[in-house]
Amino acid sequence: MSALSQKRCVPCDSGTPPMSKEDGQKYLREIPGWMLDDNHIVREYKFKNYLDALEFAYSLGKIAEEEGHHPDTLIKWRRVKVSLTTHAIKGLSENDFIIAAKAEDLYRKFMR
């Protein structure tokens, strides 16, 4: 469990600068499997079946709603692709990494 997954998202306003790529790389060390893609972080999760993938996406959606920070989610057969960015600042913020860490914790529950 990452320390990031214990944090809460904080709203960003348009005056908040996006995170530098260097800082983004540092945060990525806490969430293995995620990749930096321009001003997004992205990960694809694999599941035993379609319904597990669907349940993961739904559960992540509930977490995102509680945090007020929503990923782009693509559900495929036995896979879920998650992409995070902070639209208000047109780049990455700590919030993206917090949701990614919470997604990692959630995924571990599905892999038991």
N, C-alpha and C. Protein backbone atom coordinates (compact mmCIF):
# COMPACT_ATOMS: atom_id res chain seq x y z
N MET A 1 0.84 -1.18 0.00
CA MET A 1 0.00 0.00 0.00
C MET A 1 0.89 1.24 0.00
N SER A 2 0.64 2.12 -0.92
CA SER A 2 1.39 3.36 -1.04
C SER A 2 0.84 4.40 -0.07
N ALA A 3 1.72 5.26 0.41
CA ALA A 3 1.28 6.37 1.25
C ALA A 3 0.32 7.27 0.48
N LEU A 4 0.47 7.30 -0.83
CA LEU A 4 -0.43 8.11 -1.66
C LEU A 4 -1.87 7.66 -1.54
N SER A 5 -2.09 6.37 -1.39
CA SER A 5 -3.47 5.87 -1.34
C SER A 5 -4.19 6.29 -0.06
N GLN A 6 -3.45 6.78 0.92
CA GLN A 6 -4.05 7.25 2.17
C GLN A 6 -4.41 8.73 2.11
N LYS A 7 -3.97 9.41 1.06
CA LYS A 7 -4.24 10.84 0.91
C LYS A 7 -5.60 11.06 0.28
N ARG A 8 -6.08 12.30 0.35
CA ARG A 8 -7.33 12.71 -0.28
C ARG A 8 -7.01 13.72 -1.38
N CYS A 9 -7.80 13.71 -2.43
CA CYS A 9 -7.62 14.67 -3.51
C CYS A 9 -8.05 16.05 -3.06
N VAL A 10 -7.32 17.05 -3.54
CA VAL A 10 -7.60 18.45 -3.24
C VAL A 10 -7.88 19.15 -4.56
N PRO A 11 -8.99 19.89 -4.66
CA PRO A 11 -9.31 20.55 -5.92
C PRO A 11 -8.20 21.49 -6.37
N CYS A 12 -7.94 21.48 -7.67
CA CYS A 12 -6.96 22.39 -8.28
C CYS A 12 -7.73 23.48 -9.02
N ASP A 13 -7.24 24.70 -8.95
CA ASP A 13 -7.85 25.74 -9.76
C ASP A 13 -6.97 25.99 -10.99
N SER A 14 -7.46 26.78 -11.90
CA SER A 14 -6.74 27.00 -13.16
C SER A 14 -5.41 27.70 -12.97
N GLY A 15 -5.15 28.30 -11.80
CA GLY A 15 -3.87 28.96 -11.55
C GLY A 15 -2.80 28.02 -11.02
N THR A 16 -3.18 26.78 -10.72
CA THR A 16 -2.22 25.80 -10.22
C THR A 16 -1.36 25.30 -11.38
N PRO A 17 -0.03 25.35 -11.25
CA PRO A 17 0.80 24.86 -12.36
C PRO A 17 0.79 23.33 -12.40
N PRO A 18 0.85 22.75 -13.60
CA PRO A 18 0.94 21.29 -13.69
C PRO A 18 2.29 20.80 -13.16
N MET A 19 2.30 19.57 -12.74
CA MET A 19 3.51 18.93 -12.22
C MET A 19 4.55 18.80 -13.33
N SER A 20 5.81 18.95 -12.98
CA SER A 20 6.88 18.77 -13.96
C SER A 20 7.01 17.28 -14.29
N LYS A 21 7.60 16.97 -15.43
CA LYS A 21 7.82 15.57 -15.79
C LYS A 21 8.75 14.89 -14.79
N GLU A 22 9.72 15.63 -14.27
CA GLU A 22 10.63 15.07 -13.28
C GLU A 22 9.89 14.66 -12.02
N ASP A 23 8.99 15.52 -11.54
CA ASP A 23 8.20 15.18 -10.37
C ASP A 23 7.27 14.01 -10.67
N GLY A 24 6.70 14.01 -11.87
CA GLY A 24 5.85 12.90 -12.28
C GLY A 24 6.60 11.57 -12.25
N GLN A 25 7.84 11.57 -12.70
CA GLN A 25 8.66 10.35 -12.67
C GLN A 25 8.89 9.89 -11.23
N LYS A 26 9.08 10.82 -10.32
CA LYS A 26 9.27 10.46 -8.91
C LYS A 26 8.02 9.79 -8.34
N TYR A 27 6.87 10.37 -8.65
CA TYR A 27 5.61 9.80 -8.16
C TYR A 27 5.36 8.42 -8.78
N LEU A 28 5.77 8.22 -10.01
CA LEU A 28 5.56 6.93 -10.68
C LEU A 28 6.25 5.78 -9.93
N ARG A 29 7.32 6.09 -9.24
CA ARG A 29 8.02 5.05 -8.47
C ARG A 29 7.13 4.43 -7.39
N GLU A 30 6.12 5.18 -6.96
CA GLU A 30 5.21 4.69 -5.92
C GLU A 30 4.06 3.86 -6.48
N ILE A 31 3.89 3.87 -7.79
CA ILE A 31 2.78 3.14 -8.40
C ILE A 31 3.28 2.33 -9.61
N PRO A 32 3.99 1.24 -9.34
CA PRO A 32 4.53 0.42 -10.43
C PRO A 32 3.43 -0.02 -11.40
N GLY A 33 3.80 -0.10 -12.67
CA GLY A 33 2.86 -0.50 -13.70
C GLY A 33 2.24 0.66 -14.44
N TRP A 34 2.30 1.84 -13.86
CA TRP A 34 1.77 3.04 -14.50
C TRP A 34 2.85 3.65 -15.38
N MET A 35 2.42 4.27 -16.47
CA MET A 35 3.36 4.92 -17.41
C MET A 35 2.95 6.37 -17.63
N LEU A 36 3.95 7.19 -17.82
CA LEU A 36 3.73 8.58 -18.16
C LEU A 36 3.53 8.66 -19.67
N ASP A 37 2.44 9.27 -20.08
CA ASP A 37 2.11 9.42 -21.50
C ASP A 37 1.74 10.88 -21.73
N ASP A 38 2.71 11.68 -22.12
CA ASP A 38 2.53 13.11 -22.32
C ASP A 38 2.10 13.74 -20.99
N ASN A 39 0.88 14.24 -20.88
CA ASN A 39 0.43 14.85 -19.62
C ASN A 39 -0.62 13.97 -18.92
N HIS A 40 -0.54 12.66 -19.16
CA HIS A 40 -1.41 11.66 -18.53
C HIS A 40 -0.54 10.57 -17.89
N ILE A 41 -1.13 9.86 -16.93
CA ILE A 41 -0.56 8.59 -16.51
C ILE A 41 -1.58 7.51 -16.88
N VAL A 42 -1.08 6.36 -17.31
CA VAL A 42 -1.94 5.33 -17.89
C VAL A 42 -1.54 3.96 -17.37
N ARG A 43 -2.54 3.10 -17.18
CA ARG A 43 -2.29 1.70 -16.84
C ARG A 43 -3.43 0.86 -17.35
N GLU A 44 -3.10 -0.34 -17.83
CA GLU A 44 -4.13 -1.30 -18.21
C GLU A 44 -4.08 -2.46 -17.22
N TYR A 45 -5.23 -2.79 -16.66
CA TYR A 45 -5.36 -3.89 -15.70
C TYR A 45 -5.96 -5.09 -16.40
N LYS A 46 -5.51 -6.29 -16.02
CA LYS A 46 -6.02 -7.54 -16.58
C LYS A 46 -6.80 -8.30 -15.52
N PHE A 47 -7.87 -8.97 -15.96
CA PHE A 47 -8.76 -9.69 -15.06
C PHE A 47 -9.04 -11.09 -15.57
N LYS A 48 -9.56 -11.93 -14.68
CA LYS A 48 -9.88 -13.31 -15.02
C LYS A 48 -11.09 -13.40 -15.95
N ASN A 49 -12.00 -12.42 -15.83
CA ASN A 49 -13.20 -12.44 -16.66
C ASN A 49 -13.74 -11.02 -16.84
N TYR A 50 -14.71 -10.93 -17.70
CA TYR A 50 -15.30 -9.63 -18.04
C TYR A 50 -15.99 -8.99 -16.84
N LEU A 51 -16.72 -9.79 -16.06
CA LEU A 51 -17.47 -9.23 -14.94
C LEU A 51 -16.55 -8.66 -13.86
N ASP A 52 -15.40 -9.28 -13.64
CA ASP A 52 -14.43 -8.71 -12.70
C ASP A 52 -13.93 -7.36 -13.21
N ALA A 53 -13.68 -7.27 -14.49
CA ALA A 53 -13.24 -6.00 -15.08
C ALA A 53 -14.32 -4.93 -14.90
N LEU A 54 -15.56 -5.31 -15.14
CA LEU A 54 -16.68 -4.39 -14.98
C LEU A 54 -16.82 -3.94 -13.53
N GLU A 55 -16.72 -4.87 -12.60
CA GLU A 55 -16.83 -4.55 -11.18
C GLU A 55 -15.69 -3.64 -10.72
N PHE A 56 -14.47 -3.90 -11.22
CA PHE A 56 -13.33 -3.04 -10.90
C PHE A 56 -13.61 -1.61 -11.37
N ALA A 57 -14.05 -1.47 -12.61
CA ALA A 57 -14.31 -0.14 -13.17
C ALA A 57 -15.39 0.59 -12.35
N TYR A 58 -16.43 -0.14 -11.98
CA TYR A 58 -17.50 0.45 -11.18
C TYR A 58 -16.97 0.88 -9.80
N SER A 59 -16.20 0.01 -9.16
CA SER A 59 -15.65 0.31 -7.84
C SER A 59 -14.69 1.50 -7.89
N LEU A 60 -13.88 1.56 -8.93
CA LEU A 60 -12.98 2.69 -9.10
C LEU A 60 -13.78 3.97 -9.34
N GLY A 61 -14.87 3.86 -10.06
CA GLY A 61 -15.74 5.01 -10.28
C GLY A 61 -16.31 5.56 -8.98
N LYS A 62 -16.66 4.67 -8.06
CA LYS A 62 -17.17 5.12 -6.76
C LYS A 62 -16.08 5.83 -5.97
N ILE A 63 -14.86 5.30 -6.02
CA ILE A 63 -13.73 5.97 -5.35
C ILE A 63 -13.51 7.35 -5.96
N ALA A 64 -13.51 7.41 -7.27
CA ALA A 64 -13.29 8.69 -7.97
C ALA A 64 -14.36 9.72 -7.60
N GLU A 65 -15.58 9.26 -7.50
CA GLU A 65 -16.67 10.18 -7.13
C GLU A 65 -16.47 10.71 -5.71
N GLU A 66 -16.06 9.85 -4.79
CA GLU A 66 -15.78 10.28 -3.41
C GLU A 66 -14.65 11.30 -3.37
N GLU A 67 -13.66 11.12 -4.24
CA GLU A 67 -12.48 12.00 -4.25
C GLU A 67 -12.70 13.25 -5.11
N GLY A 68 -13.71 13.24 -5.96
CA GLY A 68 -13.94 14.38 -6.84
C GLY A 68 -12.89 14.51 -7.93
N HIS A 69 -12.30 13.37 -8.30
CA HIS A 69 -11.26 13.36 -9.34
C HIS A 69 -11.45 12.10 -10.18
N HIS A 70 -11.80 12.27 -11.43
CA HIS A 70 -12.31 11.17 -12.24
C HIS A 70 -11.37 10.78 -13.38
N PRO A 71 -11.03 9.49 -13.46
CA PRO A 71 -10.19 9.01 -14.56
C PRO A 71 -11.03 8.77 -15.82
N ASP A 72 -10.34 8.70 -16.93
CA ASP A 72 -10.95 8.17 -18.15
C ASP A 72 -10.77 6.66 -18.05
N THR A 73 -11.85 5.93 -18.26
CA THR A 73 -11.83 4.48 -18.08
C THR A 73 -12.38 3.81 -19.32
N LEU A 74 -11.62 2.85 -19.85
CA LEU A 74 -12.04 2.08 -21.01
C LEU A 74 -12.14 0.62 -20.59
N ILE A 75 -13.33 0.07 -20.69
CA ILE A 75 -13.56 -1.32 -20.31
C ILE A 75 -13.52 -2.17 -21.57
N LYS A 76 -12.67 -3.20 -21.54
CA LYS A 76 -12.55 -4.15 -22.64
C LYS A 76 -12.79 -5.55 -22.08
N TRP A 77 -12.74 -6.54 -22.93
CA TRP A 77 -12.91 -7.91 -22.47
C TRP A 77 -11.72 -8.27 -21.59
N ARG A 78 -11.98 -8.49 -20.29
CA ARG A 78 -11.00 -8.88 -19.29
C ARG A 78 -9.91 -7.84 -19.05
N ARG A 79 -10.15 -6.61 -19.45
CA ARG A 79 -9.16 -5.54 -19.26
C ARG A 79 -9.86 -4.22 -18.97
N VAL A 80 -9.18 -3.38 -18.19
CA VAL A 80 -9.65 -2.02 -17.96
C VAL A 80 -8.45 -1.11 -18.11
N LYS A 81 -8.57 -0.13 -18.98
CA LYS A 81 -7.51 0.86 -19.17
C LYS A 81 -7.93 2.14 -18.45
N VAL A 82 -7.03 2.64 -17.60
CA VAL A 82 -7.30 3.83 -16.80
C VAL A 82 -6.29 4.90 -17.19
N SER A 83 -6.79 6.10 -17.44
CA SER A 83 -5.94 7.23 -17.79
C SER A 83 -6.31 8.40 -16.89
N LEU A 84 -5.29 9.05 -16.34
CA LEU A 84 -5.52 10.15 -15.40
C LEU A 84 -4.76 11.40 -15.81
N THR A 85 -5.41 12.52 -15.71
CA THR A 85 -4.82 13.83 -15.87
C THR A 85 -5.71 14.80 -15.12
N THR A 86 -5.21 15.98 -14.82
CA THR A 86 -6.03 17.00 -14.16
C THR A 86 -6.42 18.03 -15.21
N HIS A 87 -7.66 17.94 -15.66
CA HIS A 87 -8.13 18.78 -16.76
C HIS A 87 -8.06 20.27 -16.43
N ALA A 88 -8.33 20.63 -15.17
CA ALA A 88 -8.36 22.05 -14.78
C ALA A 88 -7.01 22.73 -15.00
N ILE A 89 -5.91 21.96 -14.92
CA ILE A 89 -4.59 22.57 -15.08
C ILE A 89 -3.88 22.08 -16.34
N LYS A 90 -4.58 21.25 -17.11
CA LYS A 90 -4.05 20.72 -18.37
C LYS A 90 -2.71 19.99 -18.16
N GLY A 91 -2.68 19.16 -17.14
CA GLY A 91 -1.46 18.41 -16.85
C GLY A 91 -1.65 17.55 -15.61
N LEU A 92 -0.56 17.09 -15.08
CA LEU A 92 -0.60 16.20 -13.92
C LEU A 92 -0.57 16.97 -12.61
N SER A 93 -1.28 16.42 -11.64
CA SER A 93 -1.22 16.91 -10.26
C SER A 93 -1.09 15.71 -9.34
N GLU A 94 -0.85 15.96 -8.08
CA GLU A 94 -0.76 14.86 -7.12
C GLU A 94 -2.06 14.06 -7.11
N ASN A 95 -3.19 14.70 -7.38
CA ASN A 95 -4.48 14.00 -7.39
C ASN A 95 -4.47 12.80 -8.33
N ASP A 96 -3.82 12.92 -9.47
CA ASP A 96 -3.76 11.82 -10.43
C ASP A 96 -3.07 10.61 -9.82
N PHE A 97 -2.02 10.85 -9.09
CA PHE A 97 -1.25 9.78 -8.47
C PHE A 97 -1.98 9.19 -7.26
N ILE A 98 -2.76 10.02 -6.58
CA ILE A 98 -3.57 9.53 -5.47
C ILE A 98 -4.61 8.53 -5.99
N ILE A 99 -5.31 8.89 -7.06
CA ILE A 99 -6.32 7.98 -7.62
C ILE A 99 -5.64 6.72 -8.17
N ALA A 100 -4.48 6.88 -8.79
CA ALA A 100 -3.75 5.71 -9.31
C ALA A 100 -3.38 4.77 -8.16
N ALA A 101 -2.92 5.31 -7.04
CA ALA A 101 -2.57 4.48 -5.89
C ALA A 101 -3.80 3.78 -5.32
N LYS A 102 -4.91 4.47 -5.29
CA LYS A 102 -6.16 3.86 -4.81
C LYS A 102 -6.61 2.76 -5.77
N ALA A 103 -6.38 2.96 -7.08
CA ALA A 103 -6.69 1.93 -8.07
C ALA A 103 -5.83 0.69 -7.85
N GLU A 104 -4.58 0.90 -7.49
CA GLU A 104 -3.68 -0.23 -7.21
C GLU A 104 -4.17 -1.03 -6.01
N ASP A 105 -4.57 -0.34 -4.96
CA ASP A 105 -5.10 -1.02 -3.78
C ASP A 105 -6.35 -1.82 -4.14
N LEU A 106 -7.21 -1.23 -4.93
CA LEU A 106 -8.44 -1.90 -5.36
C LEU A 106 -8.12 -3.13 -6.21
N TYR A 107 -7.18 -3.00 -7.12
CA TYR A 107 -6.81 -4.11 -8.00
C TYR A 107 -6.29 -5.31 -7.20
N ARG A 108 -5.51 -5.04 -6.16
CA ARG A 108 -5.00 -6.12 -5.31
C ARG A 108 -6.14 -6.95 -4.71
N LYS A 109 -7.25 -6.31 -4.39
CA LYS A 109 -8.40 -7.02 -3.84
C LYS A 109 -9.00 -7.99 -4.88
N PHE A 110 -8.92 -7.61 -6.16
CA PHE A 110 -9.46 -8.45 -7.22
C PHE A 110 -8.54 -9.62 -7.55
N MET A 111 -7.26 -9.49 -7.20
CA MET A 111 -6.30 -10.54 -7.57
C MET A 111 -6.12 -11.58 -6.48
N ARG A 112 -6.85 -11.49 -5.39
CA ARG A 112 -6.75 -12.49 -4.31
C ARG A 112 -7.39 -13.77 -4.68
